[in-house]
C-alpha atoms as a PDB file:
ATOM      1  CA  MET A   1       0.039   0.013  -0.113  1.00  0.00           C
ATOM      2  CA  THR A   2       1.014   3.610  -0.608  1.00  0.00           C
ATOM      3  CA  GLN A   3       2.208   5.985   2.226  1.00  0.00           C
ATOM      4  CA  SER A   4      -0.538   6.905   4.616  1.00  0.00           C
ATOM      5  CA  THR A   5      -1.844  10.533   4.806  1.00  0.00           C
ATOM      6  CA  ALA A   6      -3.942  12.479   7.425  1.00  0.00           C
ATOM      7  CA  VAL A   7      -7.727  12.282   7.257  1.00  0.00           C
ATOM      8  CA  SER A   8      -9.917  15.521   7.455  1.00  0.00           C
ATOM      9  CA  THR A   9     -13.079  15.814   9.457  1.00  0.00           C
ATOM     10  CA  THR A  10     -14.825  16.690   6.262  1.00  0.00           C
ATOM     11  CA  ALA A  11     -13.929  13.205   4.807  1.00  0.00           C
ATOM     12  CA  LEU A  12     -15.171  11.514   7.955  1.00  0.00           C
ATOM     13  CA  LYS A  13     -18.571  13.283   7.808  1.00  0.00           C
ATOM     14  CA  THR A  14     -19.165  11.559   4.625  1.00  0.00           C
ATOM     15  CA  PHE A  15     -19.421   8.203   6.224  1.00  0.00           C
ATOM     16  CA  PRO A  16     -22.848   7.107   7.734  1.00  0.00           C
ATOM     17  CA  LEU A  17     -21.096   5.746  10.780  1.00  0.00           C
ATOM     18  CA  PHE A  18     -19.798   9.217  11.865  1.00  0.00           C
ATOM     19  CA  GLN A  19     -22.613  11.442  10.639  1.00  0.00           C
ATOM     20  CA  GLY A  20     -24.169  13.578  13.486  1.00  0.00           C
ATOM     21  CA  LEU A  21     -21.179  13.270  15.619  1.00  0.00           C
ATOM     22  CA  SER A  22     -19.817  16.654  17.461  1.00  0.00           C
ATOM     23  CA  ASP A  23     -16.847  18.415  15.860  1.00  0.00           C
ATOM     24  CA  ASP A  24     -14.728  17.639  18.752  1.00  0.00           C
ATOM     25  CA  THR A  25     -15.721  13.878  18.486  1.00  0.00           C
ATOM     26  CA  LEU A  26     -14.752  14.035  14.784  1.00  0.00           C
ATOM     27  CA  ALA A  27     -11.558  15.652  15.522  1.00  0.00           C
ATOM     28  CA  MET A  28     -10.584  12.915  17.931  1.00  0.00           C
ATOM     29  CA  VAL A  29     -11.469  10.500  15.368  1.00  0.00           C
ATOM     30  CA  SER A  30      -9.406  12.115  12.798  1.00  0.00           C
ATOM     31  CA  ARG A  31      -6.287  12.118  14.913  1.00  0.00           C
ATOM     32  CA  SER A  32      -6.614   8.300  15.099  1.00  0.00           C
ATOM     33  CA  ALA A  33      -7.413   7.774  11.392  1.00  0.00           C
ATOM     34  CA  MET A  34      -4.982   7.667   8.357  1.00  0.00           C
ATOM     35  CA  MET A  35      -6.007   7.318   4.642  1.00  0.00           C
ATOM     36  CA  ARG A  36      -4.301   4.965   2.076  1.00  0.00           C
ATOM     37  CA  ARG A  37      -4.695   4.664  -1.640  1.00  0.00           C
ATOM     38  CA  ILE A  38      -5.010   0.867  -2.782  1.00  0.00           C
ATOM     39  CA  PRO A  39      -4.314   0.205  -6.531  1.00  0.00           C
ATOM     40  CA  ARG A  40      -6.654  -1.966  -8.326  1.00  0.00           C
ATOM     41  CA  GLY A  41      -6.073  -5.685  -7.870  1.00  0.00           C
ATOM     42  CA  GLN A  42      -4.030  -5.349  -4.647  1.00  0.00           C
ATOM     43  CA  SER A  43      -5.043  -7.073  -1.462  1.00  0.00           C
ATOM     44  CA  VAL A  44      -5.898  -4.819   1.632  1.00  0.00           C
ATOM     45  CA  VAL A  45      -6.057  -7.776   4.017  1.00  0.00           C
ATOM     46  CA  HIS A  46      -5.663 -11.606   3.680  1.00  0.00           C
ATOM     47  CA  ALA A  47      -7.600 -14.412   5.411  1.00  0.00           C
ATOM     48  CA  GLY A  48      -5.765 -15.865   8.386  1.00  0.00           C
ATOM     49  CA  GLU A  49      -3.926 -12.530   9.109  1.00  0.00           C
ATOM     50  CA  ARG A  50      -4.016 -10.783  12.328  1.00  0.00           C
ATOM     51  CA  SER A  51      -6.773  -7.996  12.899  1.00  0.00           C
ATOM     52  CA  ASP A  52      -5.099  -4.783  13.347  1.00  0.00           C
ATOM     53  CA  PHE A  53      -7.091  -2.137  11.695  1.00  0.00           C
ATOM     54  CA  VAL A  54     -10.697  -1.119  10.939  1.00  0.00           C
ATOM     55  CA  TYR A  55     -11.153   0.015   7.235  1.00  0.00           C
ATOM     56  CA  LEU A  56     -13.789   2.584   5.712  1.00  0.00           C
ATOM     57  CA  VAL A  57     -14.337   2.972   2.091  1.00  0.00           C
ATOM     58  CA  LEU A  58     -13.916   6.768   1.133  1.00  0.00           C
ATOM     59  CA  THR A  59     -13.764   5.894  -2.781  1.00  0.00           C
ATOM     60  CA  GLY A  60     -13.492   2.912  -4.929  1.00  0.00           C
ATOM     61  CA  SER A  61     -14.654  -0.576  -4.726  1.00  0.00           C
ATOM     62  CA  LEU A  62     -13.598  -3.702  -3.198  1.00  0.00           C
ATOM     63  CA  LYS A  63     -14.523  -7.391  -3.056  1.00  0.00           C
ATOM     64  CA  VAL A  64     -14.534  -9.752  -0.016  1.00  0.00           C
ATOM     65  CA  VAL A  65     -13.392 -13.357  -1.072  1.00  0.00           C
ATOM     66  CA  VAL A  66     -12.640 -16.673   0.462  1.00  0.00           C
ATOM     67  CA  SER A  67     -10.978 -19.418  -1.670  1.00  0.00           C
ATOM     68  CA  ASP A  68      -9.851 -22.921  -1.230  1.00  0.00           C
ATOM     69  CA  GLU A  69      -6.479 -24.632  -1.809  1.00  0.00           C
ATOM     70  CA  ASP A  70      -7.304 -25.037  -5.516  1.00  0.00           C
ATOM     71  CA  GLY A  71      -7.773 -21.264  -6.036  1.00  0.00           C
ATOM     72  CA  ARG A  72     -11.571 -21.571  -6.369  1.00  0.00           C
ATOM     73  CA  GLU A  73     -13.018 -18.203  -5.198  1.00  0.00           C
ATOM     74  CA  VAL A  74     -16.249 -17.245  -3.561  1.00  0.00           C
ATOM     75  CA  ILE A  75     -17.048 -13.653  -3.480  1.00  0.00           C
ATOM     76  CA  LEU A  76     -19.026 -12.916  -0.209  1.00  0.00           C
ATOM     77  CA  THR A  77     -19.835  -9.175  -0.949  1.00  0.00           C
ATOM     78  CA  ILE A  78     -18.832  -6.020  -2.889  1.00  0.00           C
ATOM     79  CA  LEU A  79     -17.999  -3.014  -0.707  1.00  0.00           C
ATOM     80  CA  GLY A  80     -18.571   0.454  -1.905  1.00  0.00           C
ATOM     81  CA  GLN A  81     -18.287   4.025  -0.711  1.00  0.00           C
ATOM     82  CA  GLY A  82     -19.268   4.598   2.858  1.00  0.00           C
ATOM     83  CA  GLU A  83     -19.033   1.003   3.941  1.00  0.00           C
ATOM     84  CA  LEU A  84     -16.492  -0.510   6.528  1.00  0.00           C
ATOM     85  CA  PHE A  85     -14.908  -3.750   7.008  1.00  0.00           C
ATOM     86  CA  GLY A  86     -12.486  -5.436   9.608  1.00  0.00           C
ATOM     87  CA  GLU A  87     -14.655  -4.516  12.618  1.00  0.00           C
ATOM     88  CA  MET A  88     -15.163  -8.158  13.476  1.00  0.00           C
ATOM     89  CA  GLY A  89     -11.648  -8.161  14.554  1.00  0.00           C
ATOM     90  CA  MET A  90     -12.506  -5.964  17.588  1.00  0.00           C
ATOM     91  CA  PHE A  91     -14.471  -8.634  19.098  1.00  0.00           C
ATOM     92  CA  GLY A  92     -11.841 -11.352  20.196  1.00  0.00           C
ATOM     93  CA  GLU A  93      -8.359 -12.132  18.688  1.00  0.00           C
ATOM     94  CA  GLN A  94      -9.394 -14.319  15.823  1.00  0.00           C
ATOM     95  CA  PRO A  95      -7.645 -13.898  12.329  1.00  0.00           C
ATOM     96  CA  ARG A  96      -9.254 -12.370   9.402  1.00  0.00           C
ATOM     97  CA  SER A  97     -11.843 -14.623   7.914  1.00  0.00           C
ATOM     98  CA  ALA A  98     -11.761 -13.341   4.251  1.00  0.00           C
ATOM     99  CA  THR A  99      -9.307 -11.567   1.883  1.00  0.00           C
ATOM    100  CA  VAL A 100     -10.420  -8.085   0.730  1.00  0.00           C
ATOM    101  CA  VAL A 101      -9.254  -6.954  -2.780  1.00  0.00           C
ATOM    102  CA  ALA A 102      -9.524  -3.585  -4.643  1.00  0.00           C
ATOM    103  CA  VAL A 103     -11.786  -4.129  -7.575  1.00  0.00           C
ATOM    104  CA  MET A 104     -10.728  -0.480  -8.785  1.00  0.00           C
ATOM    105  CA  PRO A 105      -8.349   2.079  -7.262  1.00  0.00           C
ATOM    106  CA  SER A 106      -9.590   2.866  -3.877  1.00  0.00           C
ATOM    107  CA  ASP A 107      -9.159   5.383  -0.862  1.00  0.00           C
ATOM    108  CA  LEU A 108      -9.517   3.704   2.510  1.00  0.00           C
ATOM    109  CA  VAL A 109      -9.554   5.236   5.953  1.00  0.00           C
ATOM    110  CA  MET A 110      -7.845   3.168   8.462  1.00  0.00           C
ATOM    111  CA  ILE A 111      -8.139   3.176  12.320  1.00  0.00           C
ATOM    112  CA  ALA A 112      -6.126   0.955  14.528  1.00  0.00           C
ATOM    113  CA  LYS A 113      -8.259  -1.654  16.241  1.00  0.00           C
ATOM    114  CA  ASN A 114      -7.398  -0.129  19.896  1.00  0.00           C
ATOM    115  CA  ASP A 115      -8.140   3.300  18.816  1.00  0.00           C
ATOM    116  CA  PHE A 116     -11.406   2.266  17.284  1.00  0.00           C
ATOM    117  CA  ARG A 117     -12.295   0.495  20.716  1.00  0.00           C
ATOM    118  CA  THR A 118     -11.643   3.661  22.545  1.00  0.00           C
ATOM    119  CA  ILE A 119     -13.991   5.747  19.910  1.00  0.00           C
ATOM    120  CA  LEU A 120     -16.525   3.127  20.660  1.00  0.00           C
ATOM    121  CA  GLN A 121     -16.353   3.236  24.438  1.00  0.00           C
ATOM    122  CA  GLY A 122     -16.913   6.923  24.405  1.00  0.00           C
ATOM    123  CA  ASN A 123     -19.599   7.192  21.796  1.00  0.00           C
ATOM    124  CA  PHE A 124     -22.739   5.042  22.250  1.00  0.00           C
ATOM    125  CA  GLU A 125     -24.232   6.170  18.735  1.00  0.00           C
ATOM    126  CA  VAL A 126     -21.225   4.785  17.019  1.00  0.00           C
ATOM    127  CA  ALA A 127     -21.175   1.639  18.950  1.00  0.00           C
ATOM    128  CA  TRP A 128     -25.069   1.118  18.069  1.00  0.00           C
ATOM    129  CA  ARG A 129     -24.268   1.652  14.293  1.00  0.00           C
ATOM    130  CA  ILE A 130     -21.517  -0.868  14.435  1.00  0.00           C
ATOM    131  CA  MET A 131     -23.911  -3.491  16.089  1.00  0.00           C
ATOM    132  CA  ALA A 132     -26.721  -2.634  13.508  1.00  0.00           C
ATOM    133  CA  ASN A 133     -24.177  -3.184  10.682  1.00  0.00           C
ATOM    134  CA  LEU A 134     -23.207  -6.511  12.019  1.00  0.00           C
ATOM    135  CA  ALA A 135     -26.908  -7.372  12.364  1.00  0.00           C
ATOM    136  CA  ASP A 136     -27.400  -6.423   8.691  1.00  0.00           C
ATOM    137  CA  ARG A 137     -24.404  -8.698   7.587  1.00  0.00           C
ATOM    138  CA  LEU A 138     -25.981 -11.601   9.500  1.00  0.00           C
ATOM    139  CA  ARG A 139     -29.329 -11.007   7.733  1.00  0.00           C
ATOM    140  CA  ASN A 140     -27.578 -10.846   4.415  1.00  0.00           C
ATOM    141  CA  ALA A 141     -25.837 -14.138   5.219  1.00  0.00           C
ATOM    142  CA  ASP A 142     -29.167 -15.649   6.028  1.00  0.00           C
ATOM    143  CA  ARG A 143     -30.642 -14.490   2.696  1.00  0.00           C
ATOM    144  CA  LYS A 144     -27.849 -15.834   0.880  1.00  0.00           C
ATOM    145  CA  ILE A 145     -27.978 -19.363   2.422  1.00  0.00           C
ATOM    146  CA  GLU A 146     -31.869 -19.315   1.690  1.00  0.00           C
ATOM    147  CA  SER A 147     -31.128 -18.355  -1.947  1.00  0.00           C
ATOM    148  CA  LEU A 148     -28.474 -21.128  -2.430  1.00  0.00           C
ATOM    149  CA  ALA A 149     -30.771 -23.601  -1.011  1.00  0.00           C
ATOM    150  CA  LEU A 150     -34.284 -22.710  -2.207  1.00  0.00           C
ATOM    151  CA  MET A 151     -33.815 -20.636  -5.561  1.00  0.00           C
ATOM    152  CA  ASP A 152     -32.698 -21.606  -9.166  1.00  0.00           C
ATOM    153  CA  VAL A 153     -29.947 -19.616 -10.916  1.00  0.00           C
ATOM    154  CA  TYR A 154     -32.526 -17.099 -12.257  1.00  0.00           C
ATOM    155  CA  GLY A 155     -33.867 -16.369  -8.719  1.00  0.00           C
ATOM    156  CA  ARG A 156     -30.412 -16.082  -7.413  1.00  0.00           C
ATOM    157  CA  VAL A 157     -29.363 -13.626 -10.081  1.00  0.00           C
ATOM    158  CA  ALA A 158     -32.554 -11.469  -9.722  1.00  0.00           C
ATOM    159  CA  ARG A 159     -32.109 -11.353  -5.836  1.00  0.00           C
ATOM    160  CA  LEU A 160     -28.491 -10.516  -6.122  1.00  0.00           C
ATOM    161  CA  LEU A 161     -29.236  -7.583  -8.555  1.00  0.00           C
ATOM    162  CA  LEU A 162     -32.047  -6.219  -6.390  1.00  0.00           C
ATOM    163  CA  GLU A 163     -30.040  -6.286  -3.285  1.00  0.00           C
ATOM    164  CA  MET A 164     -27.129  -4.494  -5.054  1.00  0.00           C
ATOM    165  CA  SER A 165     -29.516  -1.821  -6.544  1.00  0.00           C
ATOM    166  CA  GLU A 166     -30.166   1.820  -5.532  1.00  0.00           C
ATOM    167  CA  GLU A 167     -32.655   4.354  -6.628  1.00  0.00           C
ATOM    168  CA  VAL A 168     -31.635   6.580  -9.515  1.00  0.00           C
ATOM    169  CA  ASN A 169     -34.309   8.927 -10.823  1.00  0.00           C
ATOM    170  CA  GLY A 170     -36.965   6.597  -9.838  1.00  0.00           C
ATOM    171  CA  ASP A 171     -35.388   3.400 -11.193  1.00  0.00           C
ATOM    172  CA  ALA A 172     -33.765   0.746  -9.516  1.00  0.00           C
ATOM    173  CA  VAL A 173     -30.277   0.632 -10.905  1.00  0.00           C
ATOM    174  CA  VAL A 174     -27.061  -1.543 -10.101  1.00  0.00           C
ATOM    175  CA  VAL A 175     -24.610   1.267 -10.402  1.00  0.00           C
ATOM    176  CA  ARG A 176     -21.470  -0.532  -8.865  1.00  0.00           C
ATOM    177  CA  LYS A 177     -19.332  -2.081 -11.830  1.00  0.00           C
ATOM    178  CA  ILE A 178     -19.891  -5.955 -11.355  1.00  0.00           C
ATOM    179  CA  THR A 179     -18.859  -8.519 -14.142  1.00  0.00           C
ATOM    180  CA  LYS A 180     -20.649 -11.750 -14.981  1.00  0.00           C
ATOM    181  CA  GLN A 181     -17.746 -13.624 -13.464  1.00  0.00           C
ATOM    182  CA  ASP A 182     -18.253 -11.817 -10.168  1.00  0.00           C
ATOM    183  CA  ILE A 183     -21.937 -12.391 -10.102  1.00  0.00           C
ATOM    184  CA  ALA A 184     -21.109 -16.345 -10.685  1.00  0.00           C
ATOM    185  CA  LYS A 185     -18.734 -16.292  -7.708  1.00  0.00           C
ATOM    186  CA  MET A 186     -21.398 -14.566  -5.595  1.00  0.00           C
ATOM    187  CA  ILE A 187     -24.222 -16.904  -6.314  1.00  0.00           C
ATOM    188  CA  GLY A 188     -22.553 -20.241  -6.848  1.00  0.00           C
ATOM    189  CA  ALA A 189     -23.157 -20.641 -10.607  1.00  0.00           C
ATOM    190  CA  SER A 190     -20.990 -20.915 -13.707  1.00  0.00           C
ATOM    191  CA  ARG A 191     -20.069 -17.684 -15.659  1.00  0.00           C
ATOM    192  CA  GLU A 192     -21.745 -19.384 -18.827  1.00  0.00           C
ATOM    193  CA  MET A 193     -25.003 -19.851 -16.782  1.00  0.00           C
ATOM    194  CA  VAL A 194     -24.983 -16.255 -15.478  1.00  0.00           C
ATOM    195  CA  SER A 195     -24.325 -15.003 -19.054  1.00  0.00           C
ATOM    196  CA  ARG A 196     -27.432 -16.938 -20.389  1.00  0.00           C
ATOM    197  CA  VAL A 197     -29.750 -15.721 -17.518  1.00  0.00           C
ATOM    198  CA  MET A 198     -28.645 -12.246 -17.961  1.00  0.00           C
ATOM    199  CA  LYS A 199     -29.199 -12.392 -21.683  1.00  0.00           C
ATOM    200  CA  ASP A 200     -32.622 -13.984 -21.211  1.00  0.00           C
ATOM    201  CA  LEU A 201     -33.716 -11.296 -18.507  1.00  0.00           C
ATOM    202  CA  ALA A 202     -32.826  -8.503 -20.903  1.00  0.00           C
ATOM    203  CA  ALA A 203     -34.648 -10.227 -23.718  1.00  0.00           C
ATOM    204  CA  GLN A 204     -37.755 -10.423 -21.353  1.00  0.00           C
ATOM    205  CA  GLY A 205     -37.393  -6.681 -20.715  1.00  0.00           C
ATOM    206  CA  LEU A 206     -36.766  -7.293 -17.030  1.00  0.00           C
ATOM    207  CA  ILE A 207     -33.321  -5.678 -17.086  1.00  0.00           C
ATOM    208  CA  GLU A 208     -31.339  -3.278 -19.385  1.00  0.00           C
ATOM    209  CA  GLU A 209     -27.490  -2.824 -19.307  1.00  0.00           C
ATOM    210  CA  THR A 210     -26.812   0.789 -19.852  1.00  0.00           C
ATOM    211  CA  GLY A 211     -23.764   3.019 -19.604  1.00  0.00           C
ATOM    212  CA  ALA A 212     -25.009   4.116 -15.902  1.00  0.00           C
ATOM    213  CA  GLY A 213     -25.503   0.645 -14.921  1.00  0.00           C
ATOM    214  CA  ILE A 214     -27.931  -2.361 -14.907  1.00  0.00           C
ATOM    215  CA  VAL A 215     -31.496  -0.859 -14.770  1.00  0.00           C
ATOM    216  CA  LEU A 216     -34.058  -3.051 -13.162  1.00  0.00           C
ATOM    217  CA  ARG A 217     -37.747  -3.301 -14.068  1.00  0.00           C
ATOM    218  CA  ASP A 218     -40.496  -3.896 -11.703  1.00  0.00           C
ATOM    219  CA  ARG A 219     -41.372  -7.469 -12.853  1.00  0.00           C
ATOM    220  CA  LEU A 220     -37.874  -8.573 -11.785  1.00  0.00           C
ATOM    221  CA  GLN A 221     -39.130  -8.833  -8.085  1.00  0.00           C
ATOM    222  CA  SER A 222     -41.484 -11.667  -9.153  1.00  0.00           C
ATOM    223  CA  LEU A 223     -38.874 -14.212 -10.089  1.00  0.00           C
END
């Protein structure tokens, strides 16, 4: 990783985790934080490593992956602006459970684990937001297990696209760049099958791939 730089309170205010905090509290967080630029394709953390930092995504996109000895890879999630990772390392001394890789050049705010614990001890609202984030992650894991067990590939692709979408001018759009190979690794299917499903969904008018992202139509929710 490149050399770290200081983090301004203005940058910290862009994170949902820190919104609404007093200027004094933000200044305290700023003194504990540093920012690093991560090139595309570079790993930030590796599975099995010690958990020394909590990371927040200021810009860019990263994938959270696990792999086996044969190099087969499963993508657990794609992280974007405003999201955090590594916070599970604050609860115990277990090593990292997954590897995080930059999908595109990304700016990360890093806070040492012990400093982050101090922040949580003095700010109930931040601690509550961390707990809510972990609860959301557990719910997402439950939904993924359900889709793998009960849905066909069409249903799994549809659910993933709906979960990744955000509202843009009244439409549901998957803005984050994601390849068909990445989708396949996220839903437990082959790239060829995902390509066929995406082509079929487009032919039915359920999705439209545009320069702004993948636009989802209302009928997609019925799959």
